[in-house]
Amino acid sequence: MSFTLPAVYSTVIESGKRKGEPKSKGTINVYKNRLNQIAAATGVDTLEKIIARPFTVIKFIKQVAPMVDETEEAFRARVRTYYSAIFMILPPEERSKPNMYYKANKKLQDAPPENYR
């Protein structure tokens, strides 16, 4: 099962030093890959389902396992790409307020390494 991208999604970096610059094709492809992984594992394959079923998606993301020989930093970065992919497709009104995805991502980022995996 693959994820159906909405007709409009964010292709511009929205924070940090590169704010306002376009996202690279490689970055967008990584995010599409993450969305396809979510769809295959959970059946959440549209934007509407992403918005309606955050607990299902967050549960999947929390179960992502580290790869062999992956450093803690690389593992955290990989997990963050799932949330970045979700934020890429959320409409602006959903991105501008703390939602379940924002809270889960923030909680993971703030967690000490021993509690992250």
PDB file of N, CA and C in Angstrom:
ATOM      1  N   MET A   1       0.852  -1.176   0.000  1.00  0.00           N
ATOM      2  CA  MET A   1       0.000   0.000   0.000  1.00  0.00           C
ATOM      3  C   MET A   1       0.894   1.234   0.000  1.00  0.00           C
ATOM      4  N   SER A   2       0.560   2.186  -0.834  1.00  0.00           N
ATOM      5  CA  SER A   2       1.348   3.412  -0.853  1.00  0.00           C
ATOM      6  C   SER A   2       0.487   4.593  -0.408  1.00  0.00           C
ATOM      7  N   PHE A   3       1.162   5.616   0.033  1.00  0.00           N
ATOM      8  CA  PHE A   3       0.503   6.810   0.526  1.00  0.00           C
ATOM      9  C   PHE A   3       0.097   7.681  -0.651  1.00  0.00           C
ATOM     10  N   THR A   4      -1.098   8.234  -0.596  1.00  0.00           N
ATOM     11  CA  THR A   4      -1.577   9.155  -1.622  1.00  0.00           C
ATOM     12  C   THR A   4      -1.301  10.577  -1.154  1.00  0.00           C
ATOM     13  N   LEU A   5      -0.356  11.220  -1.817  1.00  0.00           N
ATOM     14  CA  LEU A   5      -0.020  12.594  -1.433  1.00  0.00           C
ATOM     15  C   LEU A   5      -1.176  13.531  -1.752  1.00  0.00           C
ATOM     16  N   PRO A   6      -1.388  14.525  -0.883  1.00  0.00           N
ATOM     17  CA  PRO A   6      -2.406  15.525  -1.209  1.00  0.00           C
ATOM     18  C   PRO A   6      -1.949  16.356  -2.407  1.00  0.00           C
ATOM     19  N   ALA A   7      -2.872  17.020  -3.056  1.00  0.00           N
ATOM     20  CA  ALA A   7      -2.544  17.837  -4.225  1.00  0.00           C
ATOM     21  C   ALA A   7      -1.569  18.951  -3.871  1.00  0.00           C
ATOM     22  N   VAL A   8      -1.688  19.485  -2.664  1.00  0.00           N
ATOM     23  CA  VAL A   8      -0.818  20.567  -2.217  1.00  0.00           C
ATOM     24  C   VAL A   8      -0.136  20.142  -0.919  1.00  0.00           C
ATOM     25  N   TYR A   9       1.174  20.299  -0.886  1.00  0.00           N
ATOM     26  CA  TYR A   9       1.930  20.047   0.331  1.00  0.00           C
ATOM     27  C   TYR A   9       3.131  20.976   0.355  1.00  0.00           C
ATOM     28  N   SER A  10       3.751  21.105   1.518  1.00  0.00           N
ATOM     29  CA  SER A  10       4.841  22.059   1.702  1.00  0.00           C
ATOM     30  C   SER A  10       6.121  21.586   1.014  1.00  0.00           C
ATOM     31  N   THR A  11       6.652  22.410   0.147  1.00  0.00           N
ATOM     32  CA  THR A  11       7.916  22.100  -0.513  1.00  0.00           C
ATOM     33  C   THR A  11       8.995  23.107  -0.116  1.00  0.00           C
ATOM     34  N   VAL A  12       8.711  23.885   0.929  1.00  0.00           N
ATOM     35  CA  VAL A  12       9.618  24.922   1.389  1.00  0.00           C
ATOM     36  C   VAL A  12      10.010  24.638   2.837  1.00  0.00           C
ATOM     37  N   ILE A  13      11.271  24.875   3.171  1.00  0.00           N
ATOM     38  CA  ILE A  13      11.745  24.717   4.546  1.00  0.00           C
ATOM     39  C   ILE A  13      11.101  25.804   5.391  1.00  0.00           C
ATOM     40  N   GLU A  14      10.523  25.413   6.524  1.00  0.00           N
ATOM     41  CA  GLU A  14       9.717  26.352   7.291  1.00  0.00           C
ATOM     42  C   GLU A  14      10.351  26.859   8.582  1.00  0.00           C
ATOM     43  N   SER A  15      11.556  26.393   8.899  1.00  0.00           N
ATOM     44  CA  SER A  15      12.216  26.906  10.097  1.00  0.00           C
ATOM     45  C   SER A  15      13.720  26.696   9.973  1.00  0.00           C
ATOM     46  N   GLY A  16      14.448  27.308  10.870  1.00  0.00           N
ATOM     47  CA  GLY A  16      15.894  27.147  10.883  1.00  0.00           C
ATOM     48  C   GLY A  16      16.619  28.119   9.979  1.00  0.00           C
ATOM     49  N   LYS A  17      17.912  27.871   9.802  1.00  0.00           N
ATOM     50  CA  LYS A  17      18.762  28.762   9.013  1.00  0.00           C
ATOM     51  C   LYS A  17      18.339  28.845   7.548  1.00  0.00           C
ATOM     52  N   ARG A  18      17.765  27.786   7.038  1.00  0.00           N
ATOM     53  CA  ARG A  18      17.391  27.742   5.614  1.00  0.00           C
ATOM     54  C   ARG A  18      15.906  28.020   5.375  1.00  0.00           C
ATOM     55  N   LYS A  19      15.264  28.638   6.341  1.00  0.00           N
ATOM     56  CA  LYS A  19      13.834  28.936   6.229  1.00  0.00           C
ATOM     57  C   LYS A  19      13.542  29.665   4.918  1.00  0.00           C
ATOM     58  N   GLY A  20      12.499  29.198   4.231  1.00  0.00           N
ATOM     59  CA  GLY A  20      12.083  29.813   2.987  1.00  0.00           C
ATOM     60  C   GLY A  20      12.701  29.197   1.740  1.00  0.00           C
ATOM     61  N   GLU A  21      13.757  28.410   1.911  1.00  0.00           N
ATOM     62  CA  GLU A  21      14.391  27.754   0.762  1.00  0.00           C
ATOM     63  C   GLU A  21      13.586  26.510   0.379  1.00  0.00           C
ATOM     64  N   PRO A  22      13.645  26.113  -0.895  1.00  0.00           N
ATOM     65  CA  PRO A  22      12.914  24.897  -1.295  1.00  0.00           C
ATOM     66  C   PRO A  22      13.570  23.639  -0.724  1.00  0.00           C
ATOM     67  N   LYS A  23      12.728  22.665  -0.391  1.00  0.00           N
ATOM     68  CA  LYS A  23      13.244  21.361   0.034  1.00  0.00           C
ATOM     69  C   LYS A  23      13.832  20.673  -1.186  1.00  0.00           C
ATOM     70  N   SER A  24      14.899  19.919  -0.976  1.00  0.00           N
ATOM     71  CA  SER A  24      15.517  19.215  -2.103  1.00  0.00           C
ATOM     72  C   SER A  24      14.624  18.049  -2.549  1.00  0.00           C
ATOM     73  N   LYS A  25      14.816  17.616  -3.783  1.00  0.00           N
ATOM     74  CA  LYS A  25      14.074  16.457  -4.289  1.00  0.00           C
ATOM     75  C   LYS A  25      14.378  15.227  -3.446  1.00  0.00           C
ATOM     76  N   GLY A  26      15.645  15.106  -3.009  1.00  0.00           N
ATOM     77  CA  GLY A  26      16.033  13.979  -2.172  1.00  0.00           C
ATOM     78  C   GLY A  26      15.282  13.965  -0.850  1.00  0.00           C
ATOM     79  N   THR A  27      15.150  15.129  -0.233  1.00  0.00           N
ATOM     80  CA  THR A  27      14.417  15.235   1.029  1.00  0.00           C
ATOM     81  C   THR A  27      12.959  14.855   0.826  1.00  0.00           C
ATOM     82  N   ILE A  28      12.357  15.377  -0.220  1.00  0.00           N
ATOM     83  CA  ILE A  28      10.954  15.053  -0.491  1.00  0.00           C
ATOM     84  C   ILE A  28      10.792  13.563  -0.757  1.00  0.00           C
ATOM     85  N   ASN A  29      11.746  12.945  -1.448  1.00  0.00           N
ATOM     86  CA  ASN A  29      11.677  11.498  -1.699  1.00  0.00           C
ATOM     87  C   ASN A  29      11.798  10.697  -0.409  1.00  0.00           C
ATOM     88  N   VAL A  30      12.670  11.129   0.509  1.00  0.00           N
ATOM     89  CA  VAL A  30      12.783  10.460   1.814  1.00  0.00           C
ATOM     90  C   VAL A  30      11.450  10.557   2.550  1.00  0.00           C
ATOM     91  N   TYR A  31      10.849  11.734   2.544  1.00  0.00           N
ATOM     92  CA  TYR A  31       9.561  11.914   3.227  1.00  0.00           C
ATOM     93  C   TYR A  31       8.469  11.061   2.581  1.00  0.00           C
ATOM     94  N   LYS A  32       8.443  10.982   1.258  1.00  0.00           N
ATOM     95  CA  LYS A  32       7.460  10.122   0.581  1.00  0.00           C
ATOM     96  C   LYS A  32       7.669   8.663   0.986  1.00  0.00           C
ATOM     97  N   ASN A  33       8.937   8.253   1.081  1.00  0.00           N
ATOM     98  CA  ASN A  33       9.252   6.893   1.508  1.00  0.00           C
ATOM     99  C   ASN A  33       8.721   6.632   2.915  1.00  0.00           C
ATOM    100  N   ARG A  34       8.917   7.590   3.810  1.00  0.00           N
ATOM    101  CA  ARG A  34       8.422   7.425   5.188  1.00  0.00           C
ATOM    102  C   ARG A  34       6.901   7.323   5.212  1.00  0.00           C
ATOM    103  N   LEU A  35       6.233   8.138   4.413  1.00  0.00           N
ATOM    104  CA  LEU A  35       4.773   8.078   4.351  1.00  0.00           C
ATOM    105  C   LEU A  35       4.306   6.746   3.780  1.00  0.00           C
ATOM    106  N   ASN A  36       5.015   6.214   2.806  1.00  0.00           N
ATOM    107  CA  ASN A  36       4.683   4.890   2.265  1.00  0.00           C
ATOM    108  C   ASN A  36       4.879   3.801   3.312  1.00  0.00           C
ATOM    109  N   GLN A  37       5.915   3.918   4.133  1.00  0.00           N
ATOM    110  CA  GLN A  37       6.129   2.945   5.209  1.00  0.00           C
ATOM    111  C   GLN A  37       4.986   3.003   6.222  1.00  0.00           C
ATOM    112  N   ILE A  38       4.559   4.210   6.554  1.00  0.00           N
ATOM    113  CA  ILE A  38       3.418   4.362   7.477  1.00  0.00           C
ATOM    114  C   ILE A  38       2.176   3.720   6.869  1.00  0.00           C
ATOM    115  N   ALA A  39       1.921   3.995   5.594  1.00  0.00           N
ATOM    116  CA  ALA A  39       0.733   3.440   4.930  1.00  0.00           C
ATOM    117  C   ALA A  39       0.767   1.923   4.897  1.00  0.00           C
ATOM    118  N   ALA A  40       1.924   1.358   4.562  1.00  0.00           N
ATOM    119  CA  ALA A  40       2.044  -0.099   4.472  1.00  0.00           C
ATOM    120  C   ALA A  40       1.831  -0.773   5.821  1.00  0.00           C
ATOM    121  N   ALA A  41       2.318  -0.143   6.878  1.00  0.00           N
ATOM    122  CA  ALA A  41       2.238  -0.760   8.211  1.00  0.00           C
ATOM    123  C   ALA A  41       0.907  -0.520   8.921  1.00  0.00           C
ATOM    124  N   THR A  42       0.248   0.592   8.616  1.00  0.00           N
ATOM    125  CA  THR A  42      -0.934   0.968   9.401  1.00  0.00           C
ATOM    126  C   THR A  42      -2.219   1.096   8.599  1.00  0.00           C
ATOM    127  N   GLY A  43      -2.111   1.194   7.282  1.00  0.00           N
ATOM    128  CA  GLY A  43      -3.296   1.439   6.467  1.00  0.00           C
ATOM    129  C   GLY A  43      -3.676   2.913   6.411  1.00  0.00           C
ATOM    130  N   VAL A  44      -2.919   3.758   7.061  1.00  0.00           N
ATOM    131  CA  VAL A  44      -3.156   5.199   7.028  1.00  0.00           C
ATOM    132  C   VAL A  44      -2.471   5.724   5.771  1.00  0.00           C
ATOM    133  N   ASP A  45      -3.271   5.889   4.713  1.00  0.00           N
ATOM    134  CA  ASP A  45      -2.676   6.168   3.409  1.00  0.00           C
ATOM    135  C   ASP A  45      -3.121   7.470   2.748  1.00  0.00           C
ATOM    136  N   THR A  46      -3.780   8.336   3.506  1.00  0.00           N
ATOM    137  CA  THR A  46      -4.186   9.640   2.985  1.00  0.00           C
ATOM    138  C   THR A  46      -3.997  10.698   4.070  1.00  0.00           C
ATOM    139  N   LEU A  47      -3.986  11.954   3.651  1.00  0.00           N
ATOM    140  CA  LEU A  47      -3.888  13.058   4.598  1.00  0.00           C
ATOM    141  C   LEU A  47      -5.039  13.028   5.593  1.00  0.00           C
ATOM    142  N   GLU A  48      -6.234  12.759   5.102  1.00  0.00           N
ATOM    143  CA  GLU A  48      -7.406  12.718   5.978  1.00  0.00           C
ATOM    144  C   GLU A  48      -7.228  11.688   7.085  1.00  0.00           C
ATOM    145  N   LYS A  49      -6.672  10.531   6.738  1.00  0.00           N
ATOM    146  CA  LYS A  49      -6.440   9.495   7.755  1.00  0.00           C
ATOM    147  C   LYS A  49      -5.313   9.892   8.703  1.00  0.00           C
ATOM    148  N   ILE A  50      -4.293  10.578   8.197  1.00  0.00           N
ATOM    149  CA  ILE A  50      -3.195  11.062   9.063  1.00  0.00           C
ATOM    150  C   ILE A  50      -3.776  11.974  10.137  1.00  0.00           C
ATOM    151  N   ILE A  51      -4.680  12.865   9.731  1.00  0.00           N
ATOM    152  CA  ILE A  51      -5.290  13.795  10.674  1.00  0.00           C
ATOM    153  C   ILE A  51      -6.220  13.063  11.633  1.00  0.00           C
ATOM    154  N   ALA A  52      -6.972  12.090  11.141  1.00  0.00           N
ATOM    155  CA  ALA A  52      -7.973  11.396  11.949  1.00  0.00           C
ATOM    156  C   ALA A  52      -7.400  10.326  12.873  1.00  0.00           C
ATOM    157  N   ARG A  53      -6.230   9.749  12.528  1.00  0.00           N
ATOM    158  CA  ARG A  53      -5.723   8.602  13.296  1.00  0.00           C
ATOM    159  C   ARG A  53      -4.294   8.815  13.820  1.00  0.00           C
ATOM    160  N   PRO A  54      -4.068   9.886  14.574  1.00  0.00           N
ATOM    161  CA  PRO A  54      -2.701  10.144  15.041  1.00  0.00           C
ATOM    162  C   PRO A  54      -2.161   9.056  15.970  1.00  0.00           C
ATOM    163  N   PHE A  55      -3.007   8.468  16.789  1.00  0.00           N
ATOM    164  CA  PHE A  55      -2.512   7.456  17.730  1.00  0.00           C
ATOM    165  C   PHE A  55      -1.957   6.239  16.993  1.00  0.00           C
ATOM    166  N   THR A  56      -2.614   5.832  15.925  1.00  0.00           N
ATOM    167  CA  THR A  56      -2.149   4.694  15.131  1.00  0.00           C
ATOM    168  C   THR A  56      -0.779   4.985  14.527  1.00  0.00           C
ATOM    169  N   VAL A  57      -0.632   6.175  13.963  1.00  0.00           N
ATOM    170  CA  VAL A  57       0.622   6.549  13.302  1.00  0.00           C
ATOM    171  C   VAL A  57       1.740   6.711  14.326  1.00  0.00           C
ATOM    172  N   ILE A  58       1.457   7.377  15.429  1.00  0.00           N
ATOM    173  CA  ILE A  58       2.473   7.587  16.470  1.00  0.00           C
ATOM    174  C   ILE A  58       2.916   6.258  17.063  1.00  0.00           C
ATOM    175  N   LYS A  59       1.983   5.342  17.241  1.00  0.00           N
ATOM    176  CA  LYS A  59       2.335   4.017  17.757  1.00  0.00           C
ATOM    177  C   LYS A  59       3.311   3.325  16.809  1.00  0.00           C
ATOM    178  N   PHE A  60       3.058   3.412  15.511  1.00  0.00           N
ATOM    179  CA  PHE A  60       3.975   2.827  14.529  1.00  0.00           C
ATOM    180  C   PHE A  60       5.355   3.476  14.636  1.00  0.00           C
ATOM    181  N   ILE A  61       5.401   4.789  14.677  1.00  0.00           N
ATOM    182  CA  ILE A  61       6.680   5.494  14.733  1.00  0.00           C
ATOM    183  C   ILE A  61       7.457   5.100  15.995  1.00  0.00           C
ATOM    184  N   LYS A  62       6.768   4.956  17.099  1.00  0.00           N
ATOM    185  CA  LYS A  62       7.437   4.570  18.347  1.00  0.00           C
ATOM    186  C   LYS A  62       8.028   3.161  18.274  1.00  0.00           C
ATOM    187  N   GLN A  63       7.518   2.336  17.368  1.00  0.00           N
ATOM    188  CA  GLN A  63       8.002   0.967  17.239  1.00  0.00           C
ATOM    189  C   GLN A  63       9.124   0.819  16.221  1.00  0.00           C
ATOM    190  N   VAL A  64       9.518   1.922  15.585  1.00  0.00           N
ATOM    191  CA  VAL A  64      10.629   1.876  14.633  1.00  0.00           C
ATOM    192  C   VAL A  64      11.879   1.432  15.391  1.00  0.00           C
ATOM    193  N   ALA A  65      12.548   0.432  14.868  1.00  0.00           N
ATOM    194  CA  ALA A  65      13.725  -0.130  15.541  1.00  0.00           C
ATOM    195  C   ALA A  65      15.013   0.448  14.956  1.00  0.00           C
ATOM    196  N   PRO A  66      16.032   0.549  15.797  1.00  0.00           N
ATOM    197  CA  PRO A  66      17.327   1.012  15.272  1.00  0.00           C
ATOM    198  C   PRO A  66      17.924  -0.042  14.339  1.00  0.00           C
ATOM    199  N   MET A  67      18.644   0.433  13.342  1.00  0.00           N
ATOM    200  CA  MET A  67      19.330  -0.477  12.424  1.00  0.00           C
ATOM    201  C   MET A  67      20.647  -0.930  13.055  1.00  0.00           C
ATOM    202  N   VAL A  68      21.170  -2.031  12.568  1.00  0.00           N
ATOM    203  CA  VAL A  68      22.444  -2.552  13.060  1.00  0.00           C
ATOM    204  C   VAL A  68      23.507  -1.469  12.875  1.00  0.00           C
ATOM    205  N   ASP A  69      24.313  -1.270  13.893  1.00  0.00           N
ATOM    206  CA  ASP A  69      25.412  -0.295  13.881  1.00  0.00           C
ATOM    207  C   ASP A  69      24.960   1.146  13.693  1.00  0.00           C
ATOM    208  N   GLU A  70      23.702   1.451  13.952  1.00  0.00           N
ATOM    209  CA  GLU A  70      23.216   2.828  13.837  1.00  0.00           C
ATOM    210  C   GLU A  70      23.478   3.555  15.149  1.00  0.00           C
ATOM    211  N   THR A  71      24.079   4.721  15.066  1.00  0.00           N
ATOM    212  CA  THR A  71      24.336   5.496  16.282  1.00  0.00           C
ATOM    213  C   THR A  71      23.026   6.049  16.824  1.00  0.00           C
ATOM    214  N   GLU A  72      23.055   6.446  18.078  1.00  0.00           N
ATOM    215  CA  GLU A  72      21.873   7.044  18.701  1.00  0.00           C
ATOM    216  C   GLU A  72      21.435   8.295  17.937  1.00  0.00           C
ATOM    217  N   GLU A  73      22.395   9.103  17.551  1.00  0.00           N
ATOM    218  CA  GLU A  73      22.095  10.335  16.821  1.00  0.00           C
ATOM    219  C   GLU A  73      21.448  10.040  15.466  1.00  0.00           C
ATOM    220  N   ALA A  74      21.969   9.052  14.759  1.00  0.00           N
ATOM    221  CA  ALA A  74      21.408   8.681  13.457  1.00  0.00           C
ATOM    222  C   ALA A  74      20.005   8.096  13.619  1.00  0.00           C
ATOM    223  N   PHE A  75      19.807   7.314  14.664  1.00  0.00           N
ATOM    224  CA  PHE A  75      18.492   6.733  14.921  1.00  0.00           C
ATOM    225  C   PHE A  75      17.472   7.837  15.204  1.00  0.00           C
ATOM    226  N   ARG A  76      17.833   8.793  16.051  1.00  0.00           N
ATOM    227  CA  ARG A  76      16.929   9.910  16.355  1.00  0.00           C
ATOM    228  C   ARG A  76      16.596  10.693  15.084  1.00  0.00           C
ATOM    229  N   ALA A  77      17.595  10.935  14.261  1.00  0.00           N
ATOM    230  CA  ALA A  77      17.371  11.681  13.015  1.00  0.00           C
ATOM    231  C   ALA A  77      16.418  10.912  12.100  1.00  0.00           C
ATOM    232  N   ARG A  78      16.584   9.615  12.021  1.00  0.00           N
ATOM    233  CA  ARG A  78      15.708   8.802  11.171  1.00  0.00           C
ATOM    234  C   ARG A  78      14.274   8.841  11.673  1.00  0.00           C
ATOM    235  N   VAL A  79      14.089   8.736  12.974  1.00  0.00           N
ATOM    236  CA  VAL A  79      12.742   8.784  13.535  1.00  0.00           C
ATOM    237  C   VAL A  79      12.119  10.163  13.287  1.00  0.00           C
ATOM    238  N   ARG A  80      12.923  11.208  13.405  1.00  0.00           N
ATOM    239  CA  ARG A  80      12.398  12.567  13.161  1.00  0.00           C
ATOM    240  C   ARG A  80      11.902  12.728  11.725  1.00  0.00           C
ATOM    241  N   THR A  81      12.475  11.980  10.786  1.00  0.00           N
ATOM    242  CA  THR A  81      12.023  12.125   9.399  1.00  0.00           C
ATOM    243  C   THR A  81      10.573  11.671   9.218  1.00  0.00           C
ATOM    244  N   TYR A  82      10.106  10.764  10.049  1.00  0.00           N
ATOM    245  CA  TYR A  82       8.696  10.369   9.973  1.00  0.00           C
ATOM    246  C   TYR A  82       7.811  11.568  10.326  1.00  0.00           C
ATOM    247  N   TYR A  83       8.164  12.259  11.401  1.00  0.00           N
ATOM    248  CA  TYR A  83       7.378  13.430  11.787  1.00  0.00           C
ATOM    249  C   TYR A  83       7.521  14.555  10.769  1.00  0.00           C
ATOM    250  N   SER A  84       8.718  14.753  10.233  1.00  0.00           N
ATOM    251  CA  SER A  84       8.917  15.784   9.208  1.00  0.00           C
ATOM    252  C   SER A  84       8.058  15.497   7.983  1.00  0.00           C
ATOM    253  N   ALA A  85       7.951  14.224   7.614  1.00  0.00           N
ATOM    254  CA  ALA A  85       7.115  13.840   6.472  1.00  0.00           C
ATOM    255  C   ALA A  85       5.656  14.193   6.733  1.00  0.00           C
ATOM    256  N   ILE A  86       5.204  13.940   7.950  1.00  0.00           N
ATOM    257  CA  ILE A  86       3.815  14.265   8.306  1.00  0.00           C
ATOM    258  C   ILE A  86       3.600  15.775   8.258  1.00  0.00           C
ATOM    259  N   PHE A  87       4.548  16.531   8.822  1.00  0.00           N
ATOM    260  CA  PHE A  87       4.399  17.983   8.810  1.00  0.00           C
ATOM    261  C   PHE A  87       4.452  18.538   7.390  1.00  0.00           C
ATOM    262  N   MET A  88       5.151  17.867   6.493  1.00  0.00           N
ATOM    263  CA  MET A  88       5.219  18.318   5.103  1.00  0.00           C
ATOM    264  C   MET A  88       3.835  18.293   4.449  1.00  0.00           C
ATOM    265  N   ILE A  89       3.016  17.314   4.795  1.00  0.00           N
ATOM    266  CA  ILE A  89       1.721  17.190   4.116  1.00  0.00           C
ATOM    267  C   ILE A  89       0.567  17.842   4.865  1.00  0.00           C
ATOM    268  N   LEU A  90       0.761  18.136   6.147  1.00  0.00           N
ATOM    269  CA  LEU A  90      -0.326  18.771   6.893  1.00  0.00           C
ATOM    270  C   LEU A  90      -0.603  20.160   6.340  1.00  0.00           C
ATOM    271  N   PRO A  91      -1.878  20.547   6.275  1.00  0.00           N
ATOM    272  CA  PRO A  91      -2.192  21.902   5.825  1.00  0.00           C
ATOM    273  C   PRO A  91      -1.683  22.925   6.853  1.00  0.00           C
ATOM    274  N   PRO A  92      -1.443  24.166   6.423  1.00  0.00           N
ATOM    275  CA  PRO A  92      -0.883  25.182   7.325  1.00  0.00           C
ATOM    276  C   PRO A  92      -1.638  25.339   8.638  1.00  0.00           C
ATOM    277  N   GLU A  93      -2.954  25.263   8.600  1.00  0.00           N
ATOM    278  CA  GLU A  93      -3.727  25.431   9.837  1.00  0.00           C
ATOM    279  C   GLU A  93      -3.470  24.295  10.828  1.00  0.00           C
ATOM    280  N   GLU A  94      -3.094  23.124  10.347  1.00  0.00           N
ATOM    281  CA  GLU A  94      -2.765  22.006  11.225  1.00  0.00           C
ATOM    282  C   GLU A  94      -1.326  22.087  11.736  1.00  0.00           C
ATOM    283  N   ARG A  95      -0.422  22.653  10.920  1.00  0.00           N
ATOM    284  CA  ARG A  95       0.979  22.783  11.314  1.00  0.00           C
ATOM    285  C   ARG A  95       1.193  23.903  12.306  1.00  0.00           C
ATOM    286  N   SER A  96       0.325  24.895  12.310  1.00  0.00           N
ATOM    287  CA  SER A  96       0.544  26.088  13.116  1.00  0.00           C
ATOM    288  C   SER A  96       0.111  25.938  14.565  1.00  0.00           C
ATOM    289  N   LYS A  97      -0.469  24.820  14.918  1.00  0.00           N
ATOM    290  CA  LYS A  97      -0.889  24.615  16.312  1.00  0.00           C
ATOM    291  C   LYS A  97      -0.290  23.322  16.842  1.00  0.00           C
ATOM    292  N   PRO A  98       0.015  23.276  18.134  1.00  0.00           N
ATOM    293  CA  PRO A  98       0.508  22.000  18.677  1.00  0.00           C
ATOM    294  C   PRO A  98      -0.561  20.916  18.522  1.00  0.00           C
ATOM    295  N   ASN A  99      -0.200  19.846  17.859  1.00  0.00           N
ATOM    296  CA  ASN A  99      -1.114  18.722  17.673  1.00  0.00           C
ATOM    297  C   ASN A  99      -0.448  17.468  18.238  1.00  0.00           C
ATOM    298  N   MET A 100      -1.086  16.334  18.061  1.00  0.00           N
ATOM    299  CA  MET A 100      -0.551  15.083  18.622  1.00  0.00           C
ATOM    300  C   MET A 100       0.829  14.765  18.044  1.00  0.00           C
ATOM    301  N   TYR A 101       1.042  15.038  16.759  1.00  0.00           N
ATOM    302  CA  TYR A 101       2.332  14.752  16.129  1.00  0.00           C
ATOM    303  C   TYR A 101       3.417  15.668  16.687  1.00  0.00           C
ATOM    304  N   TYR A 102       3.079  16.919  16.866  1.00  0.00           N
ATOM    305  CA  TYR A 102       4.037  17.875  17.441  1.00  0.00           C
ATOM    306  C   TYR A 102       4.433  17.422  18.844  1.00  0.00           C
ATOM    307  N   LYS A 103       3.442  17.070  19.650  1.00  0.00           N
ATOM    308  CA  LYS A 103       3.695  16.669  21.040  1.00  0.00           C
ATOM    309  C   LYS A 103       4.534  15.392  21.105  1.00  0.00           C
ATOM    310  N   ALA A 104       4.224  14.411  20.268  1.00  0.00           N
ATOM    311  CA  ALA A 104       4.988  13.153  20.266  1.00  0.00           C
ATOM    312  C   ALA A 104       6.421  13.382  19.815  1.00  0.00           C
ATOM    313  N   ASN A 105       6.608  14.187  18.787  1.00  0.00           N
ATOM    314  CA  ASN A 105       7.945  14.491  18.288  1.00  0.00           C
ATOM    315  C   ASN A 105       8.752  15.241  19.341  1.00  0.00           C
ATOM    316  N   LYS A 106       8.134  16.212  19.984  1.00  0.00           N
ATOM    317  CA  LYS A 106       8.812  16.991  21.032  1.00  0.00           C
ATOM    318  C   LYS A 106       9.201  16.087  22.200  1.00  0.00           C
ATOM    319  N   LYS A 107       8.314  15.189  22.577  1.00  0.00           N
ATOM    320  CA  LYS A 107       8.593  14.265  23.676  1.00  0.00           C
ATOM    321  C   LYS A 107       9.783  13.372  23.344  1.00  0.00           C
ATOM    322  N   LEU A 108       9.842  12.883  22.116  1.00  0.00           N
ATOM    323  CA  LEU A 108      10.972  12.046  21.713  1.00  0.00           C
ATOM    324  C   LEU A 108      12.275  12.838  21.679  1.00  0.00           C
ATOM    325  N   GLN A 109      12.232  14.065  21.190  1.00  0.00           N
ATOM    326  CA  GLN A 109      13.424  14.877  21.125  1.00  0.00           C
ATOM    327  C   GLN A 109      13.965  15.208  22.514  1.00  0.00           C
ATOM    328  N   ASP A 110      13.061  15.395  23.464  1.00  0.00           N
ATOM    329  CA  ASP A 110      13.463  15.762  24.813  1.00  0.00           C
ATOM    330  C   ASP A 110      13.856  14.570  25.679  1.00  0.00           C
ATOM    331  N   ALA A 111      13.583  13.368  25.217  1.00  0.00           N
ATOM    332  CA  ALA A 111      13.844  12.166  26.005  1.00  0.00           C
ATOM    333  C   ALA A 111      15.357  11.904  26.097  1.00  0.00           C
ATOM    334  N   PRO A 112      15.802  11.470  27.272  1.00  0.00           N
ATOM    335  CA  PRO A 112      17.207  11.072  27.369  1.00  0.00           C
ATOM    336  C   PRO A 112      17.445   9.828  26.499  1.00  0.00           C
ATOM    337  N   PRO A 113      18.679   9.640  26.029  1.00  0.00           N
ATOM    338  CA  PRO A 113      18.966   8.514  25.110  1.00  0.00           C
ATOM    339  C   PRO A 113      18.467   7.159  25.595  1.00  0.00           C
ATOM    340  N   GLU A 114      18.584   6.871  26.873  1.00  0.00           N
ATOM    341  CA  GLU A 114      18.174   5.545  27.353  1.00  0.00           C
ATOM    342  C   GLU A 114      16.664   5.324  27.276  1.00  0.00           C
ATOM    343  N   ASN A 115      15.881   6.399  27.155  1.00  0.00           N
ATOM    344  CA  ASN A 115      14.433   6.268  27.066  1.00  0.00           C
ATOM    345  C   ASN A 115      13.914   6.466  25.644  1.00  0.00           C
ATOM    346  N   TYR A 116      14.821   6.685  24.719  1.00  0.00           N
ATOM    347  CA  TYR A 116      14.401   7.021  23.366  1.00  0.00           C
ATOM    348  C   TYR A 116      13.976   5.803  22.571  1.00  0.00           C
ATOM    349  N   ARG A 117      14.696   4.730  22.727  1.00  0.00           N
ATOM    350  CA  ARG A 117      14.406   3.533  21.922  1.00  0.00           C
ATOM    351  C   ARG A 117      13.293   2.724  22.511  1.00  0.00           C
TER     352      ARG A 117
END
